[in-house]
Each structure stands twice: as structure tokens, then as C-alpha cells.
């Protein structure tokens, strides 16, 4: 049940990003494959800044440093100087990624 909800939220986030790209005349360069999960998406963004939405509704933004089997390490958290985060992958409900610049 939880996995289905995570996949549904991720699907909605990706669709929103793709639609917003076409509204502004720019295409998103992210291709969602049917076997992708949160872990695979985060692995593709190692070294880049992302925002992660958790089950509890909190959102953390930082640089993906490492993605393990069960945890993801975010460094240089925004609005939290001197802090990093270790987040359980199964507690992530969505990933917000930057697709273009203004």
C-alpha cells in the first residue's frame, strides 16, 4: 500500500514537471522508466540539489551525496547551516528536481 502511494506521488510530480516544461516552451530532459523507484531517481541526481518530501509532510532540500539500499545522505541542507540529513528511502513520498533555469 505504501509503495503504491509513493509511486503515485512520484508519478504526479514527474507529470507536473513535464507539463510545466511544455507550458514554458522547454522540454524536460528526464525520462521516467517503468521500473524506476525513488532510489534509482536519487542515484541519478548524486551531486545535485533536490528537494525531498517525507511521509510526515516535511520537505528537505540539499545535495544528494550518497544513495544506499535503505538511506540517502543529503548534504548542505538549505536554511540549516552546518547540517546534513540521513533519510530512510521508504519514508520519501516525492522528489522535486530542477529541470531548467530561467
N, C-alpha and C. Protein backbone atom coordinates (compact mmCIF):
# COMPACT_ATOMS: atom_id res chain seq x y z
N UNK A 1 0.83 -1.19 0.00
CA UNK A 1 0.00 0.00 0.00
C UNK A 1 0.87 1.26 0.00
N UNK A 2 1.89 1.26 0.88
CA UNK A 2 2.77 2.42 0.98
C UNK A 2 3.55 2.61 -0.31
N UNK A 3 4.00 1.50 -0.91
CA UNK A 3 4.78 1.59 -2.14
C UNK A 3 3.91 2.14 -3.28
N UNK A 4 2.66 1.72 -3.35
CA UNK A 4 1.76 2.24 -4.38
C UNK A 4 1.56 3.73 -4.23
N UNK A 5 1.43 4.19 -2.98
CA UNK A 5 1.24 5.62 -2.73
C UNK A 5 2.49 6.39 -3.14
N UNK A 6 3.67 5.86 -2.82
CA UNK A 6 4.91 6.54 -3.20
C UNK A 6 5.04 6.63 -4.72
N UNK A 7 4.70 5.55 -5.41
CA UNK A 7 4.79 5.55 -6.87
C UNK A 7 3.79 6.55 -7.46
N UNK A 8 2.59 6.60 -6.88
CA UNK A 8 1.58 7.54 -7.38
C UNK A 8 2.02 8.98 -7.19
N UNK A 9 2.60 9.30 -6.02
CA UNK A 9 3.07 10.67 -5.76
C UNK A 9 4.21 11.01 -6.70
N UNK A 10 5.13 10.08 -6.88
CA UNK A 10 6.26 10.31 -7.78
C UNK A 10 5.77 10.54 -9.21
N UNK A 11 4.80 9.75 -9.63
CA UNK A 11 4.23 9.91 -10.97
C UNK A 11 3.62 11.29 -11.15
N UNK A 12 2.89 11.76 -10.14
CA UNK A 12 2.27 13.09 -10.20
C UNK A 12 3.34 14.18 -10.29
N UNK A 13 4.41 14.05 -9.50
CA UNK A 13 5.49 15.04 -9.52
C UNK A 13 6.13 15.09 -10.90
N UNK A 14 6.41 13.94 -11.46
CA UNK A 14 7.06 13.90 -12.78
C UNK A 14 6.13 14.48 -13.85
N UNK A 15 4.85 14.16 -13.80
CA UNK A 15 3.90 14.70 -14.77
C UNK A 15 3.83 16.22 -14.66
N UNK A 16 3.79 16.74 -13.41
CA UNK A 16 3.75 18.20 -13.22
C UNK A 16 4.98 18.87 -13.80
N UNK A 17 6.14 18.26 -13.60
CA UNK A 17 7.38 18.82 -14.14
C UNK A 17 7.35 18.81 -15.66
N UNK A 18 6.87 17.73 -16.24
CA UNK A 18 6.83 17.63 -17.70
C UNK A 18 5.82 18.61 -18.29
N UNK A 19 4.67 18.77 -17.67
CA UNK A 19 3.65 19.70 -18.15
C UNK A 19 4.15 21.13 -18.04
N UNK A 20 4.78 21.48 -16.92
CA UNK A 20 5.28 22.85 -16.76
C UNK A 20 6.36 23.15 -17.79
N UNK A 21 7.14 22.16 -18.19
CA UNK A 21 8.15 22.37 -19.22
C UNK A 21 7.52 22.69 -20.57
N UNK A 22 6.44 22.02 -20.90
CA UNK A 22 5.81 22.30 -22.18
C UNK A 22 5.07 23.62 -22.16
N UNK A 23 4.58 24.06 -21.00
CA UNK A 23 3.90 25.35 -20.89
C UNK A 23 4.88 26.48 -21.18
N UNK A 24 6.11 26.35 -20.73
CA UNK A 24 7.10 27.40 -20.94
C UNK A 24 7.92 27.18 -22.21
N UNK A 25 7.54 26.23 -23.03
CA UNK A 25 8.21 26.01 -24.29
C UNK A 25 9.53 25.27 -24.17
N UNK A 26 9.78 24.65 -23.01
CA UNK A 26 11.00 23.90 -22.82
C UNK A 26 10.64 22.48 -22.42
N UNK A 27 11.34 21.52 -22.97
CA UNK A 27 11.06 20.14 -22.63
C UNK A 27 11.95 19.68 -21.49
N UNK A 28 11.37 18.85 -20.63
CA UNK A 28 12.15 18.24 -19.55
C UNK A 28 13.04 17.16 -20.16
N UNK A 29 14.23 16.99 -19.62
CA UNK A 29 15.16 16.00 -20.15
C UNK A 29 15.17 14.72 -19.32
N UNK A 30 14.23 14.61 -18.39
CA UNK A 30 14.15 13.44 -17.53
C UNK A 30 13.23 12.41 -18.18
N UNK A 31 13.68 11.19 -18.25
CA UNK A 31 12.86 10.12 -18.82
C UNK A 31 12.57 9.11 -17.73
N UNK A 32 11.29 8.95 -17.39
CA UNK A 32 10.88 8.01 -16.37
C UNK A 32 10.71 6.64 -16.98
N UNK A 33 11.44 5.68 -16.46
CA UNK A 33 11.31 4.31 -16.92
C UNK A 33 10.39 3.57 -15.98
N UNK A 34 9.67 2.58 -16.48
CA UNK A 34 8.63 1.94 -15.69
C UNK A 34 9.16 1.21 -14.45
N UNK A 35 10.42 0.84 -14.42
CA UNK A 35 10.96 0.16 -13.25
C UNK A 35 11.70 1.10 -12.29
N UNK A 36 11.61 2.42 -12.53
CA UNK A 36 12.25 3.40 -11.65
C UNK A 36 11.53 3.47 -10.31
N UNK A 37 12.30 3.67 -9.28
CA UNK A 37 11.79 3.94 -7.95
C UNK A 37 12.51 5.16 -7.40
N UNK A 38 12.22 5.51 -6.18
CA UNK A 38 12.86 6.66 -5.53
C UNK A 38 14.38 6.49 -5.54
N UNK A 39 14.84 5.31 -5.20
CA UNK A 39 16.29 5.06 -5.12
C UNK A 39 16.97 5.32 -6.46
N UNK A 40 16.39 4.82 -7.54
CA UNK A 40 17.01 4.99 -8.86
C UNK A 40 17.02 6.46 -9.30
N UNK A 41 15.95 7.17 -8.98
CA UNK A 41 15.90 8.59 -9.32
C UNK A 41 16.96 9.35 -8.55
N UNK A 42 17.05 9.10 -7.24
CA UNK A 42 18.06 9.81 -6.43
C UNK A 42 19.47 9.46 -6.86
N UNK A 43 19.70 8.22 -7.26
CA UNK A 43 21.03 7.81 -7.73
C UNK A 43 21.45 8.63 -8.95
N UNK A 44 20.51 8.96 -9.80
CA UNK A 44 20.80 9.78 -10.98
C UNK A 44 21.09 11.24 -10.64
N UNK A 45 20.79 11.66 -9.43
CA UNK A 45 21.00 13.05 -9.02
C UNK A 45 22.08 13.20 -7.96
N UNK A 46 22.98 12.24 -7.83
CA UNK A 46 24.10 12.36 -6.90
C UNK A 46 24.93 13.57 -7.32
N UNK A 47 25.21 14.44 -6.35
CA UNK A 47 25.98 15.66 -6.62
C UNK A 47 25.12 16.85 -7.00
N UNK A 48 23.82 16.65 -7.10
CA UNK A 48 22.92 17.74 -7.50
C UNK A 48 21.93 18.05 -6.37
N UNK A 49 21.38 19.25 -6.42
CA UNK A 49 20.43 19.70 -5.40
C UNK A 49 19.02 19.22 -5.73
N UNK A 50 18.36 18.64 -4.73
CA UNK A 50 16.98 18.18 -4.87
C UNK A 50 16.22 18.55 -3.60
N UNK A 51 14.91 18.52 -3.69
CA UNK A 51 14.05 18.65 -2.51
C UNK A 51 13.34 17.32 -2.34
N UNK A 52 13.31 16.83 -1.12
CA UNK A 52 12.69 15.55 -0.82
C UNK A 52 11.52 15.78 0.12
N UNK A 53 10.34 15.26 -0.26
CA UNK A 53 9.16 15.36 0.59
C UNK A 53 9.01 14.04 1.33
N UNK A 54 8.83 14.15 2.66
CA UNK A 54 8.72 12.97 3.52
C UNK A 54 7.27 12.65 3.82
N UNK A 55 7.02 11.44 4.30
CA UNK A 55 5.66 11.00 4.66
C UNK A 55 4.97 11.97 5.60
N UNK A 56 5.72 12.53 6.54
CA UNK A 56 5.13 13.44 7.53
C UNK A 56 4.79 14.81 6.95
N UNK A 57 5.14 15.05 5.68
CA UNK A 57 4.83 16.31 5.03
C UNK A 57 5.99 17.29 5.01
N UNK A 58 7.05 17.01 5.73
CA UNK A 58 8.21 17.89 5.77
C UNK A 58 8.98 17.77 4.45
N UNK A 59 9.59 18.88 4.05
CA UNK A 59 10.40 18.89 2.83
C UNK A 59 11.81 19.32 3.18
N UNK A 60 12.79 18.54 2.75
CA UNK A 60 14.20 18.85 2.96
C UNK A 60 14.85 19.07 1.60
N UNK A 61 15.66 20.12 1.50
CA UNK A 61 16.37 20.41 0.26
C UNK A 61 17.85 20.39 0.53
N UNK A 62 18.58 19.69 -0.32
CA UNK A 62 20.03 19.61 -0.16
C UNK A 62 20.64 18.90 -1.36
N UNK A 63 21.93 18.61 -1.24
CA UNK A 63 22.67 17.95 -2.31
C UNK A 63 22.73 16.46 -2.01
N UNK A 64 22.32 15.64 -2.98
CA UNK A 64 22.39 14.19 -2.81
C UNK A 64 23.86 13.78 -2.83
N UNK A 65 24.31 13.24 -1.71
CA UNK A 65 25.71 12.84 -1.58
C UNK A 65 25.89 11.36 -1.84
N UNK A 66 25.07 10.53 -1.18
CA UNK A 66 25.18 9.09 -1.31
C UNK A 66 23.79 8.48 -1.26
N UNK A 67 23.58 7.46 -2.06
CA UNK A 67 22.31 6.71 -2.03
C UNK A 67 22.65 5.26 -1.74
N UNK A 68 22.16 4.76 -0.61
CA UNK A 68 22.38 3.36 -0.24
C UNK A 68 21.13 2.55 -0.47
N UNK A 69 21.13 1.32 0.05
CA UNK A 69 19.97 0.45 -0.12
C UNK A 69 18.77 0.96 0.67
N UNK A 70 19.02 1.57 1.84
CA UNK A 70 17.92 1.99 2.71
C UNK A 70 17.95 3.48 3.06
N UNK A 71 19.08 4.14 2.86
CA UNK A 71 19.23 5.54 3.26
C UNK A 71 19.77 6.39 2.12
N UNK A 72 19.41 7.68 2.16
CA UNK A 72 20.00 8.67 1.27
C UNK A 72 20.63 9.76 2.15
N UNK A 73 21.81 10.22 1.77
CA UNK A 73 22.52 11.28 2.51
C UNK A 73 22.37 12.58 1.75
N UNK A 74 21.74 13.57 2.38
CA UNK A 74 21.64 14.92 1.82
C UNK A 74 22.61 15.80 2.57
N UNK A 75 23.45 16.53 1.85
CA UNK A 75 24.38 17.46 2.49
C UNK A 75 24.00 18.89 2.15
N UNK A 76 24.57 19.83 2.89
CA UNK A 76 24.34 21.27 2.67
C UNK A 76 22.85 21.59 2.60
N UNK A 77 22.12 21.23 3.64
CA UNK A 77 20.68 21.47 3.68
C UNK A 77 20.40 22.96 3.60
N UNK A 78 19.40 23.33 2.82
CA UNK A 78 19.03 24.75 2.72
C UNK A 78 18.36 25.18 4.01
N UNK A 79 18.64 26.39 4.43
CA UNK A 79 18.10 27.01 5.64
C UNK A 79 18.53 26.31 6.92
N UNK A 80 19.51 25.42 6.83
CA UNK A 80 20.03 24.71 8.01
C UNK A 80 21.55 24.61 7.89
N UNK A 81 22.21 25.71 8.10
CA UNK A 81 23.66 25.73 8.00
C UNK A 81 24.27 24.69 8.93
N UNK A 82 25.32 24.04 8.48
CA UNK A 82 26.11 23.08 9.25
C UNK A 82 25.40 21.74 9.46
N UNK A 83 24.30 21.48 8.75
CA UNK A 83 23.57 20.22 8.95
C UNK A 83 23.49 19.40 7.67
N UNK A 84 23.52 18.09 7.84
CA UNK A 84 23.25 17.12 6.79
C UNK A 84 22.07 16.27 7.25
N UNK A 85 21.54 15.44 6.38
CA UNK A 85 20.43 14.57 6.75
C UNK A 85 20.64 13.17 6.18
N UNK A 86 20.28 12.18 6.97
CA UNK A 86 20.21 10.80 6.52
C UNK A 86 18.73 10.43 6.54
N UNK A 87 18.19 10.05 5.40
CA UNK A 87 16.75 9.85 5.27
C UNK A 87 16.48 8.42 4.79
N UNK A 88 15.54 7.76 5.45
CA UNK A 88 15.13 6.43 5.02
C UNK A 88 14.38 6.54 3.70
N UNK A 89 14.80 5.79 2.71
CA UNK A 89 14.20 5.86 1.39
C UNK A 89 12.72 5.49 1.43
N UNK A 90 12.35 4.55 2.29
CA UNK A 90 10.94 4.14 2.35
C UNK A 90 10.04 5.19 2.99
N UNK A 91 10.60 6.27 3.53
CA UNK A 91 9.81 7.35 4.12
C UNK A 91 9.66 8.54 3.17
N UNK A 92 10.24 8.43 1.97
CA UNK A 92 10.17 9.51 0.98
C UNK A 92 8.92 9.32 0.13
N UNK A 93 8.13 10.40 -0.01
CA UNK A 93 6.92 10.32 -0.83
C UNK A 93 7.08 11.06 -2.16
N UNK A 94 8.09 11.91 -2.29
CA UNK A 94 8.28 12.63 -3.54
C UNK A 94 9.65 13.27 -3.62
N UNK A 95 10.11 13.48 -4.84
CA UNK A 95 11.39 14.13 -5.09
C UNK A 95 11.13 15.27 -6.07
N UNK A 96 11.54 16.48 -5.69
CA UNK A 96 11.41 17.64 -6.57
C UNK A 96 12.79 17.95 -7.14
N UNK A 97 12.88 17.97 -8.46
CA UNK A 97 14.17 18.16 -9.11
C UNK A 97 14.11 19.36 -10.05
N UNK A 98 15.23 20.04 -10.16
CA UNK A 98 15.31 21.19 -11.06
C UNK A 98 15.58 20.70 -12.47
N UNK A 99 14.73 21.13 -13.39
CA UNK A 99 14.83 20.64 -14.77
C UNK A 99 15.35 21.72 -15.73
N UNK A 100 15.27 22.97 -15.35
CA UNK A 100 15.69 24.04 -16.25
C UNK A 100 16.02 25.27 -15.42
N UNK A 101 16.67 26.23 -16.04
CA UNK A 101 16.95 27.50 -15.37
C UNK A 101 16.21 28.61 -16.11
N UNK A 102 15.99 29.71 -15.43
CA UNK A 102 15.25 30.83 -16.05
C UNK A 102 16.11 31.59 -17.00
